PDB file of N, CA and C in Angstrom:
ATOM      1  N   MET A   1       0.841  -1.160  -0.030  1.00  0.00           N
ATOM      2  CA  MET A   1       0.025   0.007   0.018  1.00  0.00           C
ATOM      3  C   MET A   1       0.856   1.255   0.004  1.00  0.00           C
ATOM      4  N   VAL A   2       0.451   2.289  -0.782  1.00  0.00           N
ATOM      5  CA  VAL A   2       1.231   3.498  -0.908  1.00  0.00           C
ATOM      6  C   VAL A   2       1.479   4.127   0.470  1.00  0.00           C
ATOM      7  N   VAL A   3       0.341   4.222   1.277  1.00  0.00           N
ATOM      8  CA  VAL A   3       0.471   4.967   2.516  1.00  0.00           C
ATOM      9  C   VAL A   3       1.507   4.253   3.399  1.00  0.00           C
ATOM     10  N   THR A   4       1.477   2.912   3.455  1.00  0.00           N
ATOM     11  CA  THR A   4       2.421   2.264   4.303  1.00  0.00           C
ATOM     12  C   THR A   4       3.874   2.314   3.815  1.00  0.00           C
ATOM     13  N   ASN A   5       3.986   2.230   2.497  1.00  0.00           N
ATOM     14  CA  ASN A   5       5.378   2.137   1.904  1.00  0.00           C
ATOM     15  C   ASN A   5       6.045   3.557   1.639  1.00  0.00           C
ATOM     16  N   ILE A   6       5.131   4.629   1.410  1.00  0.00           N
ATOM     17  CA  ILE A   6       5.744   5.838   1.033  1.00  0.00           C
ATOM     18  C   ILE A   6       5.357   6.908   2.181  1.00  0.00           C
ATOM     19  N   CYS A   7       4.111   7.188   2.259  1.00  0.00           N
ATOM     20  CA  CYS A   7       3.579   8.318   3.079  1.00  0.00           C
ATOM     21  C   CYS A   7       3.965   8.179   4.655  1.00  0.00           C
ATOM     22  N   ALA A   8       3.820   7.005   5.142  1.00  0.00           N
ATOM     23  CA  ALA A   8       4.073   6.762   6.469  1.00  0.00           C
ATOM     24  C   ALA A   8       5.433   7.112   6.919  1.00  0.00           C
ATOM     25  N   GLY A   9       6.425   7.147   6.015  1.00  0.00           N
ATOM     26  CA  GLY A   9       7.787   7.564   6.315  1.00  0.00           C
ATOM     27  C   GLY A   9       7.905   8.871   7.066  1.00  0.00           C
ATOM     28  N   CYS A  10       7.053   9.795   6.633  1.00  0.00           N
ATOM     29  CA  CYS A  10       7.040  11.122   7.320  1.00  0.00           C
ATOM     30  C   CYS A  10       5.734  11.339   8.091  1.00  0.00           C
ATOM     31  N   HIS A  11       4.639  10.972   7.464  1.00  0.00           N
ATOM     32  CA  HIS A  11       3.371  11.171   8.108  1.00  0.00           C
ATOM     33  C   HIS A  11       3.115  10.210   9.336  1.00  0.00           C
ATOM     34  N   GLY A  12       3.781   9.218   9.468  1.00  0.00           N
ATOM     35  CA  GLY A  12       3.691   8.282  10.651  1.00  0.00           C
ATOM     36  C   GLY A  12       4.293   8.961  11.837  1.00  0.00           C
ATOM     37  N   SER A  13       5.348   9.735  11.704  1.00  0.00           N
ATOM     38  CA  SER A  13       6.053  10.345  12.852  1.00  0.00           C
ATOM     39  C   SER A  13       5.930  11.798  12.943  1.00  0.00           C
ATOM     40  N   GLY A  14       5.432  12.480  11.856  1.00  0.00           N
ATOM     41  CA  GLY A  14       5.436  13.886  11.799  1.00  0.00           C
ATOM     42  C   GLY A  14       6.666  14.513  11.452  1.00  0.00           C
ATOM     43  N   ALA A  15       7.531  13.772  10.753  1.00  0.00           N
ATOM     44  CA  ALA A  15       8.926  14.236  10.327  1.00  0.00           C
ATOM     45  C   ALA A  15       8.723  15.471   9.380  1.00  0.00           C
ATOM     46  N   LEU A  16       9.602  16.344   9.523  1.00  0.00           N
ATOM     47  CA  LEU A  16       9.623  17.572   8.725  1.00  0.00           C
ATOM     48  C   LEU A  16       8.330  18.419   8.828  1.00  0.00           C
ATOM     49  N   ASN A  17       7.720  18.378   9.979  1.00  0.00           N
ATOM     50  CA  ASN A  17       6.526  19.043  10.278  1.00  0.00           C
ATOM     51  C   ASN A  17       5.318  18.557   9.464  1.00  0.00           C
ATOM     52  N   SER A  18       5.375  17.334   8.984  1.00  0.00           N
ATOM     53  CA  SER A  18       4.231  16.780   8.237  1.00  0.00           C
ATOM     54  C   SER A  18       3.090  16.386   9.230  1.00  0.00           C
ATOM     55  N   PRO A  19       1.801  16.562   8.851  1.00  0.00           N
ATOM     56  CA  PRO A  19       0.793  16.157   9.686  1.00  0.00           C
ATOM     57  C   PRO A  19       0.666  14.678   9.906  1.00  0.00           C
ATOM     58  N   LYS A  20       0.692  14.269  11.191  1.00  0.00           N
ATOM     59  CA  LYS A  20       0.670  12.840  11.445  1.00  0.00           C
ATOM     60  C   LYS A  20      -0.619  12.199  11.065  1.00  0.00           C
ATOM     61  N   ILE A  21      -0.614  11.003  10.684  1.00  0.00           N
ATOM     62  CA  ILE A  21      -1.733  10.169  10.312  1.00  0.00           C
ATOM     63  C   ILE A  21      -2.741  10.169  11.497  1.00  0.00           C
ATOM     64  N   GLY A  22      -3.895  10.592  11.220  1.00  0.00           N
ATOM     65  CA  GLY A  22      -4.941  10.604  12.304  1.00  0.00           C
ATOM     66  C   GLY A  22      -5.008  11.799  13.112  1.00  0.00           C
ATOM     67  N   ASP A  23      -4.108  12.811  12.977  1.00  0.00           N
ATOM     68  CA  ASP A  23      -4.028  14.014  13.770  1.00  0.00           C
ATOM     69  C   ASP A  23      -5.031  14.979  13.198  1.00  0.00           C
ATOM     70  N   ALA A  24      -6.339  14.998  13.702  1.00  0.00           N
ATOM     71  CA  ALA A  24      -7.377  15.833  13.136  1.00  0.00           C
ATOM     72  C   ALA A  24      -7.118  17.265  13.162  1.00  0.00           C
ATOM     73  N   GLY A  25      -6.448  17.777  14.202  1.00  0.00           N
ATOM     74  CA  GLY A  25      -6.099  19.154  14.360  1.00  0.00           C
ATOM     75  C   GLY A  25      -5.140  19.654  13.327  1.00  0.00           C
ATOM     76  N   ALA A  26      -4.108  18.806  13.005  1.00  0.00           N
ATOM     77  CA  ALA A  26      -3.115  19.106  12.023  1.00  0.00           C
ATOM     78  C   ALA A  26      -3.653  19.091  10.646  1.00  0.00           C
ATOM     79  N   TRP A  27      -4.549  18.076  10.442  1.00  0.00           N
ATOM     80  CA  TRP A  27      -5.102  17.882   9.015  1.00  0.00           C
ATOM     81  C   TRP A  27      -6.215  18.862   8.641  1.00  0.00           C
ATOM     82  N   ALA A  28      -6.959  19.404   9.733  1.00  0.00           N
ATOM     83  CA  ALA A  28      -8.170  20.173   9.421  1.00  0.00           C
ATOM     84  C   ALA A  28      -7.970  21.307   8.531  1.00  0.00           C
ATOM     85  N   PRO A  29      -6.991  22.125   8.659  1.00  0.00           N
ATOM     86  CA  PRO A  29      -6.765  23.200   7.672  1.00  0.00           C
ATOM     87  C   PRO A  29      -6.446  22.701   6.233  1.00  0.00           C
ATOM     88  N   ARG A  30      -5.768  21.622   6.180  1.00  0.00           N
ATOM     89  CA  ARG A  30      -5.468  21.049   4.892  1.00  0.00           C
ATOM     90  C   ARG A  30      -6.737  20.497   4.253  1.00  0.00           C
ATOM     91  N   ILE A  31      -7.494  19.790   5.024  1.00  0.00           N
ATOM     92  CA  ILE A  31      -8.718  19.201   4.573  1.00  0.00           C
ATOM     93  C   ILE A  31      -9.680  20.353   4.065  1.00  0.00           C
ATOM     94  N   GLY A  32      -9.663  21.459   4.800  1.00  0.00           N
ATOM     95  CA  GLY A  32     -10.469  22.614   4.461  1.00  0.00           C
ATOM     96  C   GLY A  32     -10.079  23.193   3.042  1.00  0.00           C
ATOM     97  N   GLN A  33      -8.888  22.885   2.575  1.00  0.00           N
ATOM     98  CA  GLN A  33      -8.519  23.400   1.253  1.00  0.00           C
ATOM     99  C   GLN A  33      -9.123  22.714   0.140  1.00  0.00           C
ATOM    100  N   GLY A  34      -9.722  21.493   0.445  1.00  0.00           N
ATOM    101  CA  GLY A  34     -10.369  20.688  -0.442  1.00  0.00           C
ATOM    102  C   GLY A  34      -9.519  19.578  -1.063  1.00  0.00           C
ATOM    103  N   PHE A  35     -10.164  18.538  -1.601  1.00  0.00           N
ATOM    104  CA  PHE A  35      -9.460  17.317  -2.170  1.00  0.00           C
ATOM    105  C   PHE A  35      -8.548  17.704  -3.295  1.00  0.00           C
ATOM    106  N   ASP A  36      -9.052  18.504  -4.212  1.00  0.00           N
ATOM    107  CA  ASP A  36      -8.231  18.818  -5.451  1.00  0.00           C
ATOM    108  C   ASP A  36      -6.946  19.533  -5.055  1.00  0.00           C
ATOM    109  N   THR A  37      -6.956  20.440  -4.159  1.00  0.00           N
ATOM    110  CA  THR A  37      -5.857  21.191  -3.721  1.00  0.00           C
ATOM    111  C   THR A  37      -4.790  20.254  -3.020  1.00  0.00           C
ATOM    112  N   LEU A  38      -5.313  19.382  -2.150  1.00  0.00           N
ATOM    113  CA  LEU A  38      -4.481  18.414  -1.485  1.00  0.00           C
ATOM    114  C   LEU A  38      -3.787  17.499  -2.525  1.00  0.00           C
ATOM    115  N   VAL A  39      -4.542  17.031  -3.409  1.00  0.00           N
ATOM    116  CA  VAL A  39      -3.942  16.121  -4.454  1.00  0.00           C
ATOM    117  C   VAL A  39      -2.926  16.854  -5.278  1.00  0.00           C
ATOM    118  N   LYS A  40      -3.206  18.104  -5.686  1.00  0.00           N
ATOM    119  CA  LYS A  40      -2.220  18.905  -6.553  1.00  0.00           C
ATOM    120  C   LYS A  40      -0.953  19.051  -5.741  1.00  0.00           C
ATOM    121  N   ASN A  41      -1.103  19.342  -4.427  1.00  0.00           N
ATOM    122  CA  ASN A  41       0.084  19.628  -3.634  1.00  0.00           C
ATOM    123  C   ASN A  41       0.866  18.358  -3.386  1.00  0.00           C
ATOM    124  N   ALA A  42       0.218  17.237  -3.237  1.00  0.00           N
ATOM    125  CA  ALA A  42       0.838  15.892  -3.123  1.00  0.00           C
ATOM    126  C   ALA A  42       1.614  15.582  -4.338  1.00  0.00           C
ATOM    127  N   ILE A  43       1.016  15.784  -5.485  1.00  0.00           N
ATOM    128  CA  ILE A  43       1.635  15.439  -6.826  1.00  0.00           C
ATOM    129  C   ILE A  43       2.805  16.331  -7.103  1.00  0.00           C
ATOM    130  N   ASN A  44       2.739  17.656  -6.762  1.00  0.00           N
ATOM    131  CA  ASN A  44       3.777  18.641  -7.230  1.00  0.00           C
ATOM    132  C   ASN A  44       4.773  18.813  -6.065  1.00  0.00           C
ATOM    133  N   GLY A  45       4.406  18.426  -4.809  1.00  0.00           N
ATOM    134  CA  GLY A  45       5.298  18.627  -3.645  1.00  0.00           C
ATOM    135  C   GLY A  45       4.903  19.976  -3.119  1.00  0.00           C
ATOM    136  N   ILE A  46       5.171  20.030  -1.761  1.00  0.00           N
ATOM    137  CA  ILE A  46       4.853  21.273  -0.980  1.00  0.00           C
ATOM    138  C   ILE A  46       5.715  21.353   0.216  1.00  0.00           C
ATOM    139  N   ARG A  47       6.324  22.519   0.490  1.00  0.00           N
ATOM    140  CA  ARG A  47       7.214  22.775   1.553  1.00  0.00           C
ATOM    141  C   ARG A  47       8.278  21.597   1.529  1.00  0.00           C
ATOM    142  N   SER A  48       8.452  20.826   2.618  1.00  0.00           N
ATOM    143  CA  SER A  48       9.563  19.856   2.698  1.00  0.00           C
ATOM    144  C   SER A  48       9.116  18.545   1.938  1.00  0.00           C
ATOM    145  N   MET A  49       7.871  18.397   1.494  1.00  0.00           N
ATOM    146  CA  MET A  49       7.406  17.201   0.837  1.00  0.00           C
ATOM    147  C   MET A  49       7.804  17.194  -0.586  1.00  0.00           C
ATOM    148  N   PRO A  50       8.564  16.142  -1.034  1.00  0.00           N
ATOM    149  CA  PRO A  50       8.945  16.140  -2.454  1.00  0.00           C
ATOM    150  C   PRO A  50       7.702  15.657  -3.305  1.00  0.00           C
ATOM    151  N   PRO A  51       7.798  15.974  -4.710  1.00  0.00           N
ATOM    152  CA  PRO A  51       6.607  15.507  -5.471  1.00  0.00           C
ATOM    153  C   PRO A  51       6.387  14.028  -5.252  1.00  0.00           C
ATOM    154  N   ARG A  52       5.042  13.700  -5.242  1.00  0.00           N
ATOM    155  CA  ARG A  52       4.595  12.417  -5.088  1.00  0.00           C
ATOM    156  C   ARG A  52       5.095  11.693  -3.748  1.00  0.00           C
ATOM    157  N   GLY A  53       5.409  12.588  -2.768  1.00  0.00           N
ATOM    158  CA  GLY A  53       5.988  12.065  -1.513  1.00  0.00           C
ATOM    159  C   GLY A  53       7.303  11.346  -1.722  1.00  0.00           C
ATOM    160  N   GLY A  54       7.979  11.464  -2.731  1.00  0.00           N
ATOM    161  CA  GLY A  54       9.151  10.782  -2.975  1.00  0.00           C
ATOM    162  C   GLY A  54       9.033   9.568  -3.848  1.00  0.00           C
ATOM    163  N   GLY A  55       7.737   9.188  -4.095  1.00  0.00           N
ATOM    164  CA  GLY A  55       7.460   8.004  -4.872  1.00  0.00           C
ATOM    165  C   GLY A  55       7.312   8.385  -6.330  1.00  0.00           C
ATOM    166  N   ALA A  56       8.441   8.663  -6.979  1.00  0.00           N
ATOM    167  CA  ALA A  56       8.373   9.203  -8.369  1.00  0.00           C
ATOM    168  C   ALA A  56       7.531   8.373  -9.330  1.00  0.00           C
ATOM    169  N   ASP A  57       7.442   7.118  -9.106  1.00  0.00           N
ATOM    170  CA  ASP A  57       6.721   6.224  -9.996  1.00  0.00           C
ATOM    171  C   ASP A  57       5.286   6.104  -9.793  1.00  0.00           C
ATOM    172  N   LEU A  58       4.759   6.763  -8.729  1.00  0.00           N
ATOM    173  CA  LEU A  58       3.347   6.726  -8.310  1.00  0.00           C
ATOM    174  C   LEU A  58       2.500   7.410  -9.462  1.00  0.00           C
ATOM    175  N   THR A  59       1.404   6.922  -9.729  1.00  0.00           N
ATOM    176  CA  THR A  59       0.495   7.563 -10.722  1.00  0.00           C
ATOM    177  C   THR A  59      -0.346   8.616  -9.944  1.00  0.00           C
ATOM    178  N   ASP A  60      -0.940   9.464 -10.718  1.00  0.00           N
ATOM    179  CA  ASP A  60      -1.801  10.553 -10.120  1.00  0.00           C
ATOM    180  C   ASP A  60      -2.889   9.910  -9.320  1.00  0.00           C
ATOM    181  N   LYS A  61      -3.461   8.797  -9.757  1.00  0.00           N
ATOM    182  CA  LYS A  61      -4.570   8.137  -9.145  1.00  0.00           C
ATOM    183  C   LYS A  61      -4.036   7.519  -7.776  1.00  0.00           C
ATOM    184  N   GLU A  62      -2.889   6.878  -7.814  1.00  0.00           N
ATOM    185  CA  GLU A  62      -2.310   6.362  -6.557  1.00  0.00           C
ATOM    186  C   GLU A  62      -2.146   7.422  -5.465  1.00  0.00           C
ATOM    187  N   VAL A  63      -1.633   8.639  -5.916  1.00  0.00           N
ATOM    188  CA  VAL A  63      -1.474   9.706  -5.027  1.00  0.00           C
ATOM    189  C   VAL A  63      -2.790  10.186  -4.489  1.00  0.00           C
ATOM    190  N   ALA A  64      -3.760  10.296  -5.382  1.00  0.00           N
ATOM    191  CA  ALA A  64      -5.042  10.751  -4.952  1.00  0.00           C
ATOM    192  C   ALA A  64      -5.738   9.849  -4.006  1.00  0.00           C
ATOM    193  N   ARG A  65      -5.573   8.498  -4.160  1.00  0.00           N
ATOM    194  CA  ARG A  65      -6.128   7.540  -3.279  1.00  0.00           C
ATOM    195  C   ARG A  65      -5.415   7.635  -1.946  1.00  0.00           C
ATOM    196  N   ALA A  66      -4.141   7.868  -1.854  1.00  0.00           N
ATOM    197  CA  ALA A  66      -3.375   8.033  -0.660  1.00  0.00           C
ATOM    198  C   ALA A  66      -3.752   9.329   0.120  1.00  0.00           C
ATOM    199  N   VAL A  67      -4.036  10.379  -0.595  1.00  0.00           N
ATOM    200  CA  VAL A  67      -4.550  11.597  -0.036  1.00  0.00           C
ATOM    201  C   VAL A  67      -5.859  11.421   0.591  1.00  0.00           C
ATOM    202  N   ALA A  68      -6.794  10.830  -0.132  1.00  0.00           N
ATOM    203  CA  ALA A  68      -8.113  10.573   0.458  1.00  0.00           C
ATOM    204  C   ALA A  68      -7.995   9.660   1.746  1.00  0.00           C
ATOM    205  N   PHE A  69      -7.124   8.634   1.704  1.00  0.00           N
ATOM    206  CA  PHE A  69      -7.055   7.782   2.883  1.00  0.00           C
ATOM    207  C   PHE A  69      -6.445   8.579   4.049  1.00  0.00           C
ATOM    208  N   LEU A  70      -5.430   9.320   3.809  1.00  0.00           N
ATOM    209  CA  LEU A  70      -4.827  10.020   4.960  1.00  0.00           C
ATOM    210  C   LEU A  70      -5.751  11.142   5.562  1.00  0.00           C
ATOM    211  N   ALA A  71      -6.363  11.888   4.645  1.00  0.00           N
ATOM    212  CA  ALA A  71      -7.261  12.933   5.135  1.00  0.00           C
ATOM    213  C   ALA A  71      -8.491  12.278   5.825  1.00  0.00           C
ATOM    214  N   ASN A  72      -8.948  11.203   5.344  1.00  0.00           N
ATOM    215  CA  ASN A  72     -10.207  10.563   5.947  1.00  0.00           C
ATOM    216  C   ASN A  72      -9.749  10.015   7.374  1.00  0.00           C
ATOM    217  N   LYS A  73      -8.602   9.613   7.510  1.00  0.00           N
ATOM    218  CA  LYS A  73      -8.158   9.059   8.832  1.00  0.00           C
ATOM    219  C   LYS A  73      -8.237  10.261   9.906  1.00  0.00           C
ATOM    220  N   ALA A  74      -8.246  11.517   9.471  1.00  0.00           N
ATOM    221  CA  ALA A  74      -8.159  12.675  10.334  1.00  0.00           C
ATOM    222  C   ALA A  74      -9.581  13.369  10.216  1.00  0.00           C
ATOM    223  N   GLY A  75     -10.524  12.760   9.708  1.00  0.00           N
ATOM    224  CA  GLY A  75     -11.855  13.329   9.793  1.00  0.00           C
ATOM    225  C   GLY A  75     -12.362  13.824   8.450  1.00  0.00           C
ATOM    226  N   GLY A  76     -11.564  13.752   7.331  1.00  0.00           N
ATOM    227  CA  GLY A  76     -12.078  14.064   5.993  1.00  0.00           C
ATOM    228  C   GLY A  76     -13.113  13.191   5.599  1.00  0.00           C
ATOM    229  N   LYS A  77     -13.912  13.613   4.595  1.00  0.00           N
ATOM    230  CA  LYS A  77     -14.936  12.850   4.024  1.00  0.00           C
ATOM    231  C   LYS A  77     -14.827  12.666   2.530  1.00  0.00           C
ATOM    232  N   PHE A  78     -13.591  12.436   2.051  1.00  0.00           N
ATOM    233  CA  PHE A  78     -13.271  12.355   0.652  1.00  0.00           C
ATOM    234  C   PHE A  78     -13.481  10.923   0.148  1.00  0.00           C
ATOM    235  N   THR A  79     -13.908  10.784  -1.142  1.00  0.00           N
ATOM    236  CA  THR A  79     -14.089   9.489  -1.748  1.00  0.00           C
ATOM    237  C   THR A  79     -12.766   9.125  -2.435  1.00  0.00           C
ATOM    238  N   GLU A  80     -12.207   7.928  -2.070  1.00  0.00           N
ATOM    239  CA  GLU A  80     -11.102   7.550  -2.854  1.00  0.00           C
ATOM    240  C   GLU A  80     -11.394   7.251  -4.288  1.00  0.00           C
ATOM    241  N   PRO A  81     -10.561   7.601  -5.274  1.00  0.00           N
ATOM    242  CA  PRO A  81     -10.821   7.235  -6.651  1.00  0.00           C
ATOM    243  C   PRO A  81     -10.739   5.788  -6.745  1.00  0.00           C
ATOM    244  N   PRO A  82     -11.550   5.185  -7.578  1.00  0.00           N
ATOM    245  CA  PRO A  82     -11.595   3.719  -7.726  1.00  0.00           C
ATOM    246  C   PRO A  82     -10.238   3.201  -8.265  1.00  0.00           C
ATOM    247  N   LEU A  83      -9.902   1.954  -7.882  1.00  0.00           N
ATOM    248  CA  LEU A  83      -8.734   1.322  -8.438  1.00  0.00           C
ATOM    249  C   LEU A  83      -8.906   1.062  -9.882  1.00  0.00           C
ATOM    250  N   ASP A  84      -7.825   1.116 -10.674  1.00  0.00           N
ATOM    251  CA  ASP A  84      -7.884   0.714 -12.054  1.00  0.00           C
ATOM    252  C   ASP A  84      -8.012  -0.819 -12.147  1.00  0.00           C
ATOM    253  N   LYS A  85      -8.721  -1.294 -13.078  1.00  0.00           N
ATOM    254  CA  LYS A  85      -8.856  -2.764 -13.254  1.00  0.00           C
ATOM    255  C   LYS A  85      -8.082  -3.258 -14.478  1.00  0.00           C
TER     256      LYS A  85
END
């Protein structure tokens, strides 16, 4: 899973001031920006986060699914894009 293999490297511990998985207070302002903005920032990188969280081979859909998962763990209500078949 992308979150376990890539995202948790920083979001698991809060490294480089990243919002920790499940930390509603830290994620709330980000969730408030909306899903599309969160995905755009995750794809392009923001502050200390590299593009695609450092997973250069991740597809846009994989990044979007990870964003939805992480945000929803902190109270977001985003729908994960479906898996490609």
